[in-house]
Amino acid sequence: MTVDEVPEPRPEAGEAVVHSEAAGICGSEIEGYLGRMSNRVPPLVMGHEFAGTVTEVGDGADRAWVGKRVAINPIVGCGRCKYCVRGDRNLCPERLLVGVGVPGGFAATVSVPERCLVEMPADMDARLGALVEPLANGVHAIRRGAPDGAMTAVIIGAGTIGLACMQAALVHGLGSVTVIEPHPTRRIQAIRLGAHAAHPSTAEIEPGIDLVVDAVGAEATRLAAIELLSPAGTAVFIGLHDDATPLPWRRVIRGNHTIRGVFAYADSDFQQALEWLSSGRAGIGDLKPVLPLEDGPEAFATLAKGPTDDIKVFLGA
């Protein structure tokens, strides 16, 4: 990973240039940094969790955006298909992601389609704005995954996405929400944010859980999710660590289990996440200072070694 000087982006028709004030480093980007995520092909400016201020717009874009502070919905759909029309751009067959298919927020300025702009309160901390994207994942996972009448939930993993799923489960009204996380500081943070219990492994949990969300995506955590389910329980897979994973399908079939994969979020989920963060109903606790872009290579190298006490690391210009 390098820090380079490149020309300032100019907005094409229908685009806006955003000064990136805070961009969160996502676990999927660490996977890309390690060469485990084939959709991130260098040279690439990553960064899909970011917020900032609109500085310029191109032809056809509303000039009223200039000067507004925005969180970026990085999913770029075609804008024409039935999924985009109804606000489910995450299902668009032609979708791409800012920071994956096109340059992203680990830059001083970045050009994005106008439809990626979501206005946030003028006084909202840019770091909270950068958390809208990961929280929207949690909102979507629980909205799509929680079965009717579910009362118990287990969230495997207490990184940013796991904590997002945990908070969404609490707001959804599940009566018991437990987190599984080997890192002690992250377990403490989960409790501070409202989890009813947090354990280092599944050994202390009796099977019979209505909803299990795997926010890790390793073979072991996917298997654990199935093992914890109640009859007719639902396992939601949102973690992307491993690709191919064998599962005990006879157990799934005989248990009448539902397995649901969830990716990203609908436009309404993104808006809901913004409202929760701006109102204080959700968050990750204390926010770390935004590191300068020049510190990016070192930050990635540190995170690549494994989980740290920092739930989210931010970069900005």
C-alpha atoms as a PDB file:
ATOM      1  CA  MET A   1       0.000   0.000   0.000  1.00  0.00           C
ATOM      2  CA  THR A   2       1.309   3.413  -0.952  1.00  0.00           C
ATOM      3  CA  VAL A   3       0.375   7.048  -0.451  1.00  0.00           C
ATOM      4  CA  ASP A   4       0.396   8.844  -3.814  1.00  0.00           C
ATOM      5  CA  GLU A   5      -0.321  12.276  -5.242  1.00  0.00           C
ATOM      6  CA  VAL A   6      -2.922  12.133  -8.024  1.00  0.00           C
ATOM      7  CA  PRO A   7      -4.869  14.807  -9.916  1.00  0.00           C
ATOM      8  CA  GLU A   8      -7.967  16.206  -8.224  1.00  0.00           C
ATOM      9  CA  PRO A   9     -11.088  14.424  -9.518  1.00  0.00           C
ATOM     10  CA  ARG A  10     -13.487  16.380 -11.706  1.00  0.00           C
ATOM     11  CA  PRO A  11     -17.170  15.437 -11.624  1.00  0.00           C
ATOM     12  CA  GLU A  12     -18.688  13.853 -14.690  1.00  0.00           C
ATOM     13  CA  ALA A  13     -22.326  14.526 -15.536  1.00  0.00           C
ATOM     14  CA  GLY A  14     -24.541  13.471 -12.628  1.00  0.00           C
ATOM     15  CA  GLU A  15     -21.628  13.271 -10.186  1.00  0.00           C
ATOM     16  CA  ALA A  16     -20.446  15.205  -7.151  1.00  0.00           C
ATOM     17  CA  VAL A  17     -16.998  15.704  -5.669  1.00  0.00           C
ATOM     18  CA  VAL A  18     -16.832  15.057  -1.923  1.00  0.00           C
ATOM     19  CA  HIS A  19     -14.070  16.100   0.471  1.00  0.00           C
ATOM     20  CA  SER A  20     -13.609  12.917   2.521  1.00  0.00           C
ATOM     21  CA  GLU A  21     -13.425  13.944   6.192  1.00  0.00           C
ATOM     22  CA  ALA A  22     -13.494  10.456   7.726  1.00  0.00           C
ATOM     23  CA  ALA A  23     -13.298   7.001   6.119  1.00  0.00           C
ATOM     24  CA  GLY A  24     -13.485   3.823   8.175  1.00  0.00           C
ATOM     25  CA  ILE A  25     -11.294   0.817   7.456  1.00  0.00           C
ATOM     26  CA  CYS A  26     -13.535  -2.209   6.874  1.00  0.00           C
ATOM     27  CA  GLY A  27     -12.632  -5.819   7.556  1.00  0.00           C
ATOM     28  CA  SER A  28     -13.312  -6.632   3.899  1.00  0.00           C
ATOM     29  CA  GLU A  29     -10.617  -4.116   2.971  1.00  0.00           C
ATOM     30  CA  ILE A  30      -8.158  -5.871   5.254  1.00  0.00           C
ATOM     31  CA  GLU A  31      -9.042  -9.070   3.400  1.00  0.00           C
ATOM     32  CA  GLY A  32      -8.378  -7.246   0.131  1.00  0.00           C
ATOM     33  CA  TYR A  33      -5.075  -5.924   1.485  1.00  0.00           C
ATOM     34  CA  LEU A  34      -4.086  -9.526   2.270  1.00  0.00           C
ATOM     35  CA  GLY A  35      -5.046 -10.691  -1.222  1.00  0.00           C
ATOM     36  CA  ARG A  36      -8.079 -12.676  -0.078  1.00  0.00           C
ATOM     37  CA  MET A  37     -10.784 -10.590  -1.775  1.00  0.00           C
ATOM     38  CA  SER A  38     -10.666 -11.007  -5.534  1.00  0.00           C
ATOM     39  CA  ASN A  39     -12.964  -8.076  -6.284  1.00  0.00           C
ATOM     40  CA  ARG A  40     -10.349  -5.592  -5.027  1.00  0.00           C
ATOM     41  CA  VAL A  41      -7.759  -5.391  -7.768  1.00  0.00           C
ATOM     42  CA  PRO A  42      -4.810  -2.995  -7.374  1.00  0.00           C
ATOM     43  CA  PRO A  43      -4.105  -0.277  -8.202  1.00  0.00           C
ATOM     44  CA  LEU A  44      -7.196   0.834  -6.309  1.00  0.00           C
ATOM     45  CA  VAL A  45      -8.170   3.597  -3.895  1.00  0.00           C
ATOM     46  CA  MET A  46     -10.301   1.725  -1.380  1.00  0.00           C
ATOM     47  CA  GLY A  47     -12.692   3.221   1.162  1.00  0.00           C
ATOM     48  CA  HIS A  48     -16.455   2.641   1.065  1.00  0.00           C
ATOM     49  CA  GLU A  49     -17.376   3.786   4.607  1.00  0.00           C
ATOM     50  CA  PHE A  50     -16.983   7.558   4.464  1.00  0.00           C
ATOM     51  CA  ALA A  51     -18.549  10.953   4.964  1.00  0.00           C
ATOM     52  CA  GLY A  52     -17.621  14.514   4.111  1.00  0.00           C
ATOM     53  CA  THR A  53     -18.667  17.718   2.389  1.00  0.00           C
ATOM     54  CA  VAL A  54     -19.750  18.226  -1.227  1.00  0.00           C
ATOM     55  CA  THR A  55     -17.400  20.702  -2.919  1.00  0.00           C
ATOM     56  CA  GLU A  56     -18.489  20.544  -6.574  1.00  0.00           C
ATOM     57  CA  VAL A  57     -21.114  18.970  -8.814  1.00  0.00           C
ATOM     58  CA  GLY A  58     -21.141  18.052 -12.486  1.00  0.00           C
ATOM     59  CA  ASP A  59     -23.662  18.800 -15.202  1.00  0.00           C
ATOM     60  CA  GLY A  60     -27.155  17.613 -14.393  1.00  0.00           C
ATOM     61  CA  ALA A  61     -26.529  17.294 -10.656  1.00  0.00           C
ATOM     62  CA  ASP A  62     -28.377  19.525  -8.201  1.00  0.00           C
ATOM     63  CA  ARG A  63     -26.144  22.481  -7.242  1.00  0.00           C
ATOM     64  CA  ALA A  64     -27.927  22.631  -3.889  1.00  0.00           C
ATOM     65  CA  TRP A  65     -25.646  19.797  -2.771  1.00  0.00           C
ATOM     66  CA  VAL A  66     -22.576  22.070  -2.762  1.00  0.00           C
ATOM     67  CA  GLY A  67     -21.537  22.768   0.827  1.00  0.00           C
ATOM     68  CA  LYS A  68     -23.751  20.068   2.314  1.00  0.00           C
ATOM     69  CA  ARG A  69     -22.331  17.401   4.591  1.00  0.00           C
ATOM     70  CA  VAL A  70     -23.114  13.889   3.421  1.00  0.00           C
ATOM     71  CA  ALA A  71     -22.743  10.244   4.262  1.00  0.00           C
ATOM     72  CA  ILE A  72     -21.983   8.163   1.193  1.00  0.00           C
ATOM     73  CA  ASN A  73     -24.111   5.196   0.214  1.00  0.00           C
ATOM     74  CA  PRO A  74     -21.384   3.490  -1.835  1.00  0.00           C
ATOM     75  CA  ILE A  75     -23.637   1.109  -3.760  1.00  0.00           C
ATOM     76  CA  VAL A  76     -23.985   2.280  -7.349  1.00  0.00           C
ATOM     77  CA  GLY A  77     -26.874   0.532  -9.075  1.00  0.00           C
ATOM     78  CA  CYS A  78     -27.963   0.931 -12.665  1.00  0.00           C
ATOM     79  CA  GLY A  79     -30.866   3.143 -11.574  1.00  0.00           C
ATOM     80  CA  ARG A  80     -33.228   1.459 -14.041  1.00  0.00           C
ATOM     81  CA  CYS A  81     -33.933  -2.118 -12.930  1.00  0.00           C
ATOM     82  CA  LYS A  82     -36.830  -3.092 -10.661  1.00  0.00           C
ATOM     83  CA  TYR A  83     -34.488  -3.415  -7.693  1.00  0.00           C
ATOM     84  CA  CYS A  84     -33.052   0.094  -8.048  1.00  0.00           C
ATOM     85  CA  VAL A  85     -36.491   1.589  -8.641  1.00  0.00           C
ATOM     86  CA  ARG A  86     -37.802   0.175  -5.358  1.00  0.00           C
ATOM     87  CA  GLY A  87     -34.699   1.192  -3.376  1.00  0.00           C
ATOM     88  CA  ASP A  88     -32.946  -2.181  -3.293  1.00  0.00           C
ATOM     89  CA  ARG A  89     -29.830  -1.178  -5.215  1.00  0.00           C
ATOM     90  CA  ASN A  90     -27.908  -3.872  -3.277  1.00  0.00           C
ATOM     91  CA  LEU A  91     -29.769  -6.419  -5.445  1.00  0.00           C
ATOM     92  CA  CYS A  92     -29.017  -4.713  -8.762  1.00  0.00           C
ATOM     93  CA  PRO A  93     -27.291  -7.191 -11.117  1.00  0.00           C
ATOM     94  CA  GLU A  94     -25.127  -4.355 -12.455  1.00  0.00           C
ATOM     95  CA  ARG A  95     -24.209  -2.848  -9.087  1.00  0.00           C
ATOM     96  CA  LEU A  96     -20.709  -1.748  -8.210  1.00  0.00           C
ATOM     97  CA  LEU A  97     -19.248  -0.332  -5.043  1.00  0.00           C
ATOM     98  CA  VAL A  98     -17.398   2.923  -4.549  1.00  0.00           C
ATOM     99  CA  GLY A  99     -13.983   1.874  -3.242  1.00  0.00           C
ATOM    100  CA  VAL A 100     -14.149  -1.444  -5.099  1.00  0.00           C
ATOM    101  CA  GLY A 101     -15.228  -0.820  -8.694  1.00  0.00           C
ATOM    102  CA  VAL A 102     -14.256   2.854  -8.681  1.00  0.00           C
ATOM    103  CA  PRO A 103     -11.948   4.966  -6.468  1.00  0.00           C
ATOM    104  CA  GLY A 104     -13.156   5.396  -2.890  1.00  0.00           C
ATOM    105  CA  GLY A 105     -12.863   7.478   0.231  1.00  0.00           C
ATOM    106  CA  PHE A 106      -9.231   6.935   1.249  1.00  0.00           C
ATOM    107  CA  ALA A 107      -8.423  10.169  -0.562  1.00  0.00           C
ATOM    108  CA  ALA A 108      -8.676  13.896   0.028  1.00  0.00           C
ATOM    109  CA  THR A 109     -11.485  14.147  -2.519  1.00  0.00           C
ATOM    110  CA  VAL A 110     -13.503  11.593  -4.447  1.00  0.00           C
ATOM    111  CA  SER A 111     -16.101  11.816  -7.208  1.00  0.00           C
ATOM    112  CA  VAL A 112     -19.319   9.820  -6.684  1.00  0.00           C
ATOM    113  CA  PRO A 113     -22.698   9.604  -8.431  1.00  0.00           C
ATOM    114  CA  GLU A 114     -25.225  12.084  -7.060  1.00  0.00           C
ATOM    115  CA  ARG A 115     -27.534   9.241  -5.999  1.00  0.00           C
ATOM    116  CA  CYS A 116     -24.864   8.105  -3.532  1.00  0.00           C
ATOM    117  CA  LEU A 117     -25.210  11.314  -1.503  1.00  0.00           C
ATOM    118  CA  VAL A 118     -27.268  11.126   1.694  1.00  0.00           C
ATOM    119  CA  GLU A 119     -27.504  14.402   3.574  1.00  0.00           C
ATOM    120  CA  MET A 120     -26.619  14.274   7.248  1.00  0.00           C
ATOM    121  CA  PRO A 121     -27.109  16.940   9.935  1.00  0.00           C
ATOM    122  CA  ALA A 122     -24.685  19.821   9.458  1.00  0.00           C
ATOM    123  CA  ASP A 123     -23.218  19.342  12.945  1.00  0.00           C
ATOM    124  CA  MET A 124     -22.931  15.529  12.793  1.00  0.00           C
ATOM    125  CA  ASP A 125     -19.451  14.142  13.426  1.00  0.00           C
ATOM    126  CA  ALA A 126     -17.959  12.841  10.178  1.00  0.00           C
ATOM    127  CA  ARG A 127     -16.857   9.701  12.014  1.00  0.00           C
ATOM    128  CA  LEU A 128     -20.493   8.940  12.810  1.00  0.00           C
ATOM    129  CA  GLY A 129     -21.278   9.610   9.168  1.00  0.00           C
ATOM    130  CA  ALA A 130     -18.689   7.022   8.202  1.00  0.00           C
ATOM    131  CA  LEU A 131     -20.416   4.518  10.509  1.00  0.00           C
ATOM    132  CA  VAL A 132     -23.725   4.777   8.657  1.00  0.00           C
ATOM    133  CA  GLU A 133     -22.600   2.279   6.025  1.00  0.00           C
ATOM    134  CA  PRO A 134     -21.590  -0.534   8.422  1.00  0.00           C
ATOM    135  CA  LEU A 135     -24.610   0.075  10.674  1.00  0.00           C
ATOM    136  CA  ALA A 136     -26.897  -0.167   7.633  1.00  0.00           C
ATOM    137  CA  ASN A 137     -25.585  -3.712   7.161  1.00  0.00           C
ATOM    138  CA  GLY A 138     -26.789  -4.585  10.643  1.00  0.00           C
ATOM    139  CA  VAL A 139     -30.170  -2.943  10.129  1.00  0.00           C
ATOM    140  CA  HIS A 140     -30.650  -4.947   6.937  1.00  0.00           C
ATOM    141  CA  ALA A 141     -29.442  -8.236   8.445  1.00  0.00           C
ATOM    142  CA  ILE A 142     -31.939  -8.119  11.292  1.00  0.00           C
ATOM    143  CA  ARG A 143     -34.827  -6.726   9.247  1.00  0.00           C
ATOM    144  CA  ARG A 144     -34.418  -9.466   6.658  1.00  0.00           C
ATOM    145  CA  GLY A 145     -33.301 -12.249   8.978  1.00  0.00           C
ATOM    146  CA  ALA A 146     -35.196 -12.124  12.263  1.00  0.00           C
ATOM    147  CA  PRO A 147     -38.009 -14.709  12.119  1.00  0.00           C
ATOM    148  CA  ASP A 148     -41.466 -13.763  13.356  1.00  0.00           C
ATOM    149  CA  GLY A 149     -41.734 -14.278  17.096  1.00  0.00           C
ATOM    150  CA  ALA A 150     -37.978 -14.553  17.635  1.00  0.00           C
ATOM    151  CA  MET A 151     -36.969 -13.793  21.214  1.00  0.00           C
ATOM    152  CA  THR A 152     -33.348 -14.923  21.431  1.00  0.00           C
ATOM    153  CA  ALA A 153     -30.386 -13.941  19.291  1.00  0.00           C
ATOM    154  CA  VAL A 154     -26.675 -14.699  19.240  1.00  0.00           C
ATOM    155  CA  ILE A 155     -24.274 -12.494  17.295  1.00  0.00           C
ATOM    156  CA  ILE A 156     -20.940 -14.128  16.460  1.00  0.00           C
ATOM    157  CA  GLY A 157     -18.232 -11.472  16.220  1.00  0.00           C
ATOM    158  CA  ALA A 158     -18.051  -8.039  17.867  1.00  0.00           C
ATOM    159  CA  GLY A 159     -16.301  -6.051  15.186  1.00  0.00           C
ATOM    160  CA  THR A 160     -18.129  -3.114  13.655  1.00  0.00           C
ATOM    161  CA  ILE A 161     -20.596  -5.265  11.690  1.00  0.00           C
ATOM    162  CA  GLY A 162     -21.248  -7.578  14.629  1.00  0.00           C
ATOM    163  CA  LEU A 163     -21.946  -4.632  16.933  1.00  0.00           C
ATOM    164  CA  ALA A 164     -24.216  -3.160  14.267  1.00  0.00           C
ATOM    165  CA  CYS A 165     -26.199  -6.406  14.092  1.00  0.00           C
ATOM    166  CA  MET A 166     -26.323  -6.569  17.887  1.00  0.00           C
ATOM    167  CA  GLN A 167     -27.747  -3.052  18.207  1.00  0.00           C
ATOM    168  CA  ALA A 168     -30.234  -3.652  15.422  1.00  0.00           C
ATOM    169  CA  ALA A 169     -31.410  -6.820  17.219  1.00  0.00           C
ATOM    170  CA  LEU A 170     -31.911  -4.836  20.429  1.00  0.00           C
ATOM    171  CA  VAL A 171     -33.901  -2.107  18.668  1.00  0.00           C
ATOM    172  CA  HIS A 172     -35.877  -4.827  16.864  1.00  0.00           C
ATOM    173  CA  GLY A 173     -37.066  -5.964  20.280  1.00  0.00           C
ATOM    174  CA  LEU A 174     -35.383  -9.334  20.775  1.00  0.00           C
ATOM    175  CA  GLY A 175     -35.490 -10.075  24.477  1.00  0.00           C
ATOM    176  CA  SER A 176     -32.093 -11.741  24.789  1.00  0.00           C
ATOM    177  CA  VAL A 177     -29.098 -10.750  22.671  1.00  0.00           C
ATOM    178  CA  THR A 178     -25.775 -12.484  23.326  1.00  0.00           C
ATOM    179  CA  VAL A 179     -22.431 -11.780  21.658  1.00  0.00           C
ATOM    180  CA  ILE A 180     -19.638 -14.286  21.000  1.00  0.00           C
ATOM    181  CA  GLU A 181     -16.234 -12.608  20.750  1.00  0.00           C
ATOM    182  CA  PRO A 182     -12.789 -13.936  21.793  1.00  0.00           C
ATOM    183  CA  HIS A 183     -11.260 -10.446  22.126  1.00  0.00           C
ATOM    184  CA  PRO A 184     -11.848  -9.269  25.744  1.00  0.00           C
ATOM    185  CA  THR A 185     -11.994  -5.527  25.032  1.00  0.00           C
ATOM    186  CA  ARG A 186     -14.593  -6.067  22.338  1.00  0.00           C
ATOM    187  CA  ARG A 187     -16.703  -8.203  24.688  1.00  0.00           C
ATOM    188  CA  ILE A 188     -16.660  -5.356  27.202  1.00  0.00           C
ATOM    189  CA  GLN A 189     -17.686  -2.915  24.496  1.00  0.00           C
ATOM    190  CA  ALA A 190     -20.575  -5.148  23.448  1.00  0.00           C
ATOM    191  CA  ILE A 191     -21.896  -5.120  27.010  1.00  0.00           C
ATOM    192  CA  ARG A 192     -21.498  -1.348  27.233  1.00  0.00           C
ATOM    193  CA  LEU A 193     -23.538  -0.997  24.047  1.00  0.00           C
ATOM    194  CA  GLY A 194     -26.389  -3.084  25.401  1.00  0.00           C
ATOM    195  CA  ALA A 195     -25.687  -6.793  24.864  1.00  0.00           C
ATOM    196  CA  HIS A 196     -27.288  -8.902  27.568  1.00  0.00           C
ATOM    197  CA  ALA A 197     -24.263 -11.206  27.681  1.00  0.00           C
ATOM    198  CA  ALA A 198     -20.914 -11.686  25.953  1.00  0.00           C
ATOM    199  CA  HIS A 199     -18.802 -14.854  25.917  1.00  0.00           C
ATOM    200  CA  PRO A 200     -15.431 -15.796  24.399  1.00  0.00           C
ATOM    201  CA  SER A 201     -16.874 -18.918  22.732  1.00  0.00           C
ATOM    202  CA  THR A 202     -20.119 -20.788  22.163  1.00  0.00           C
ATOM    203  CA  ALA A 203     -19.250 -23.329  24.876  1.00  0.00           C
ATOM    204  CA  GLU A 204     -21.311 -21.438  27.458  1.00  0.00           C
ATOM    205  CA  ILE A 205     -24.441 -21.214  25.312  1.00  0.00           C
ATOM    206  CA  GLU A 206     -27.145 -23.848  25.190  1.00  0.00           C
ATOM    207  CA  PRO A 207     -28.519 -24.597  21.709  1.00  0.00           C
ATOM    208  CA  GLY A 208     -32.047 -23.438  21.029  1.00  0.00           C
ATOM    209  CA  ILE A 209     -31.470 -19.919  19.714  1.00  0.00           C
ATOM    210  CA  ASP A 210     -34.072 -18.366  17.417  1.00  0.00           C
ATOM    211  CA  LEU A 211     -31.661 -16.209  15.432  1.00  0.00           C
ATOM    212  CA  VAL A 212     -27.895 -16.551  15.011  1.00  0.00           C
ATOM    213  CA  VAL A 213     -25.967 -13.969  12.999  1.00  0.00           C
ATOM    214  CA  ASP A 214     -22.466 -14.886  11.860  1.00  0.00           C
ATOM    215  CA  ALA A 215     -20.612 -11.608  11.376  1.00  0.00           C
ATOM    216  CA  VAL A 216     -17.262 -13.359  10.922  1.00  0.00           C
ATOM    217  CA  GLY A 217     -17.688 -15.743   8.019  1.00  0.00           C
ATOM    218  CA  ALA A 218     -15.139 -18.402   8.974  1.00  0.00           C
ATOM    219  CA  GLU A 219     -15.875 -22.100   8.551  1.00  0.00           C
ATOM    220  CA  ALA A 220     -15.903 -22.592  12.328  1.00  0.00           C
ATOM    221  CA  THR A 221     -18.316 -19.715  12.964  1.00  0.00           C
ATOM    222  CA  ARG A 222     -20.738 -20.831  10.256  1.00  0.00           C
ATOM    223  CA  LEU A 223     -20.813 -24.321  11.731  1.00  0.00           C
ATOM    224  CA  ALA A 224     -21.305 -22.869  15.204  1.00  0.00           C
ATOM    225  CA  ALA A 225     -24.248 -20.835  13.956  1.00  0.00           C
ATOM    226  CA  ILE A 226     -26.033 -23.977  12.767  1.00  0.00           C
ATOM    227  CA  GLU A 227     -25.261 -25.851  15.984  1.00  0.00           C
ATOM    228  CA  LEU A 228     -26.837 -23.124  18.134  1.00  0.00           C
ATOM    229  CA  LEU A 229     -30.157 -22.950  16.301  1.00  0.00           C
ATOM    230  CA  SER A 230     -33.522 -23.931  17.728  1.00  0.00           C
ATOM    231  CA  PRO A 231     -35.894 -26.007  15.602  1.00  0.00           C
ATOM    232  CA  ALA A 232     -37.069 -23.721  12.778  1.00  0.00           C
ATOM    233  CA  GLY A 233     -34.393 -21.201  13.799  1.00  0.00           C
ATOM    234  CA  THR A 234     -32.660 -18.871  11.351  1.00  0.00           C
ATOM    235  CA  ALA A 235     -28.947 -18.452  10.659  1.00  0.00           C
ATOM    236  CA  VAL A 236     -27.969 -15.205   8.949  1.00  0.00           C
ATOM    237  CA  PHE A 237     -24.596 -15.203   7.211  1.00  0.00           C
ATOM    238  CA  ILE A 238     -23.138 -11.730   6.691  1.00  0.00           C
ATOM    239  CA  GLY A 239     -19.416 -12.361   7.290  1.00  0.00           C
ATOM    240  CA  LEU A 240     -17.239 -12.811   4.200  1.00  0.00           C
ATOM    241  CA  HIS A 241     -13.993 -14.275   5.575  1.00  0.00           C
ATOM    242  CA  ASP A 242     -14.152 -17.706   3.901  1.00  0.00           C
ATOM    243  CA  ASP A 243     -15.822 -18.623   0.639  1.00  0.00           C
ATOM    244  CA  ALA A 244     -16.588 -22.347   0.377  1.00  0.00           C
ATOM    245  CA  THR A 245     -17.788 -23.863   3.676  1.00  0.00           C
ATOM    246  CA  PRO A 246     -19.238 -27.350   4.212  1.00  0.00           C
ATOM    247  CA  LEU A 247     -22.378 -27.382   6.367  1.00  0.00           C
ATOM    248  CA  PRO A 248     -24.277 -30.256   8.025  1.00  0.00           C
ATOM    249  CA  TRP A 249     -27.171 -30.228   5.595  1.00  0.00           C
ATOM    250  CA  ARG A 250     -29.052 -33.173   7.121  1.00  0.00           C
ATOM    251  CA  ARG A 251     -29.154 -31.243  10.376  1.00  0.00           C
ATOM    252  CA  VAL A 252     -30.353 -28.137   8.535  1.00  0.00           C
ATOM    253  CA  ILE A 253     -33.095 -30.068   6.754  1.00  0.00           C
ATOM    254  CA  ARG A 254     -34.256 -32.074   9.763  1.00  0.00           C
ATOM    255  CA  GLY A 255     -34.170 -28.969  11.939  1.00  0.00           C
ATOM    256  CA  ASN A 256     -36.329 -26.987   9.511  1.00  0.00           C
ATOM    257  CA  HIS A 257     -33.670 -24.291   9.669  1.00  0.00           C
ATOM    258  CA  THR A 258     -33.609 -21.198   7.506  1.00  0.00           C
ATOM    259  CA  ILE A 259     -30.257 -20.038   6.159  1.00  0.00           C
ATOM    260  CA  ARG A 260     -30.146 -16.521   4.805  1.00  0.00           C
ATOM    261  CA  GLY A 261     -27.290 -14.693   3.187  1.00  0.00           C
ATOM    262  CA  VAL A 262     -27.460 -10.918   3.435  1.00  0.00           C
ATOM    263  CA  PHE A 263     -25.373  -8.422   1.510  1.00  0.00           C
ATOM    264  CA  ALA A 264     -25.325  -4.684   2.135  1.00  0.00           C
ATOM    265  CA  TYR A 265     -28.648  -2.874   2.601  1.00  0.00           C
ATOM    266  CA  ALA A 266     -31.625  -1.203   1.021  1.00  0.00           C
ATOM    267  CA  ASP A 267     -31.825   2.581   0.761  1.00  0.00           C
ATOM    268  CA  SER A 268     -34.305   2.583   3.666  1.00  0.00           C
ATOM    269  CA  ASP A 269     -31.819   0.657   5.843  1.00  0.00           C
ATOM    270  CA  PHE A 270     -29.148   3.271   5.142  1.00  0.00           C
ATOM    271  CA  GLN A 271     -31.522   6.073   6.105  1.00  0.00           C
ATOM    272  CA  GLN A 272     -32.524   4.231   9.274  1.00  0.00           C
ATOM    273  CA  ALA A 273     -28.888   3.804  10.261  1.00  0.00           C
ATOM    274  CA  LEU A 274     -28.267   7.517   9.741  1.00  0.00           C
ATOM    275  CA  GLU A 275     -31.207   8.386  11.986  1.00  0.00           C
ATOM    276  CA  TRP A 276     -30.054   6.002  14.745  1.00  0.00           C
ATOM    277  CA  LEU A 277     -26.522   7.395  14.726  1.00  0.00           C
ATOM    278  CA  SER A 278     -27.542  11.064  14.602  1.00  0.00           C
ATOM    279  CA  SER A 279     -30.006  10.545  17.468  1.00  0.00           C
ATOM    280  CA  GLY A 280     -27.592   8.522  19.607  1.00  0.00           C
ATOM    281  CA  ARG A 281     -29.624   5.311  19.472  1.00  0.00           C
ATOM    282  CA  ALA A 282     -26.633   3.429  18.055  1.00  0.00           C
ATOM    283  CA  GLY A 283     -22.862   3.795  17.872  1.00  0.00           C
ATOM    284  CA  ILE A 284     -19.601   2.102  18.783  1.00  0.00           C
ATOM    285  CA  GLY A 285     -18.768   4.086  21.907  1.00  0.00           C
ATOM    286  CA  ASP A 286     -15.744   6.368  22.006  1.00  0.00           C
ATOM    287  CA  LEU A 287     -14.545   7.372  18.545  1.00  0.00           C
ATOM    288  CA  LYS A 288     -10.837   7.315  17.806  1.00  0.00           C
ATOM    289  CA  PRO A 289      -9.226  10.404  16.198  1.00  0.00           C
ATOM    290  CA  VAL A 290      -9.121  10.475  12.402  1.00  0.00           C
ATOM    291  CA  LEU A 291      -5.649   9.470  11.253  1.00  0.00           C
ATOM    292  CA  PRO A 292      -4.025  11.298   8.328  1.00  0.00           C
ATOM    293  CA  LEU A 293      -3.975   9.438   5.016  1.00  0.00           C
ATOM    294  CA  GLU A 294      -0.192   9.147   5.348  1.00  0.00           C
ATOM    295  CA  ASP A 295      -0.744   6.786   8.297  1.00  0.00           C
ATOM    296  CA  GLY A 296      -2.898   4.459   6.177  1.00  0.00           C
ATOM    297  CA  PRO A 297      -0.234   1.876   5.272  1.00  0.00           C
ATOM    298  CA  GLU A 298       0.793   1.455   8.905  1.00  0.00           C
ATOM    299  CA  ALA A 299      -2.835   1.247  10.042  1.00  0.00           C
ATOM    300  CA  PHE A 300      -3.575  -1.493   7.506  1.00  0.00           C
ATOM    301  CA  ALA A 301      -0.446  -3.423   8.470  1.00  0.00           C
ATOM    302  CA  THR A 302      -1.467  -3.310  12.138  1.00  0.00           C
ATOM    303  CA  LEU A 303      -5.051  -4.408  11.516  1.00  0.00           C
ATOM    304  CA  ALA A 304      -3.878  -7.225   9.247  1.00  0.00           C
ATOM    305  CA  LYS A 305      -2.199  -8.852  12.266  1.00  0.00           C
ATOM    306  CA  GLY A 306      -5.554  -9.448  13.950  1.00  0.00           C
ATOM    307  CA  PRO A 307      -8.267  -7.697  16.010  1.00  0.00           C
ATOM    308  CA  THR A 308      -7.189  -4.739  18.116  1.00  0.00           C
ATOM    309  CA  ASP A 309      -8.839  -2.794  20.937  1.00  0.00           C
ATOM    310  CA  ASP A 310      -9.978  -0.227  18.367  1.00  0.00           C
ATOM    311  CA  ILE A 311     -13.411  -1.116  17.007  1.00  0.00           C
ATOM    312  CA  LYS A 312     -13.001   1.250  14.049  1.00  0.00           C
ATOM    313  CA  VAL A 313      -9.994   3.068  12.612  1.00  0.00           C
ATOM    314  CA  PHE A 314     -10.649   6.191  10.553  1.00  0.00           C
ATOM    315  CA  LEU A 315      -8.516   7.867   7.882  1.00  0.00           C
ATOM    316  CA  GLY A 316      -9.032  11.350   6.502  1.00  0.00           C
ATOM    317  CA  ALA A 317      -7.446  14.281   4.752  1.00  0.00           C
END
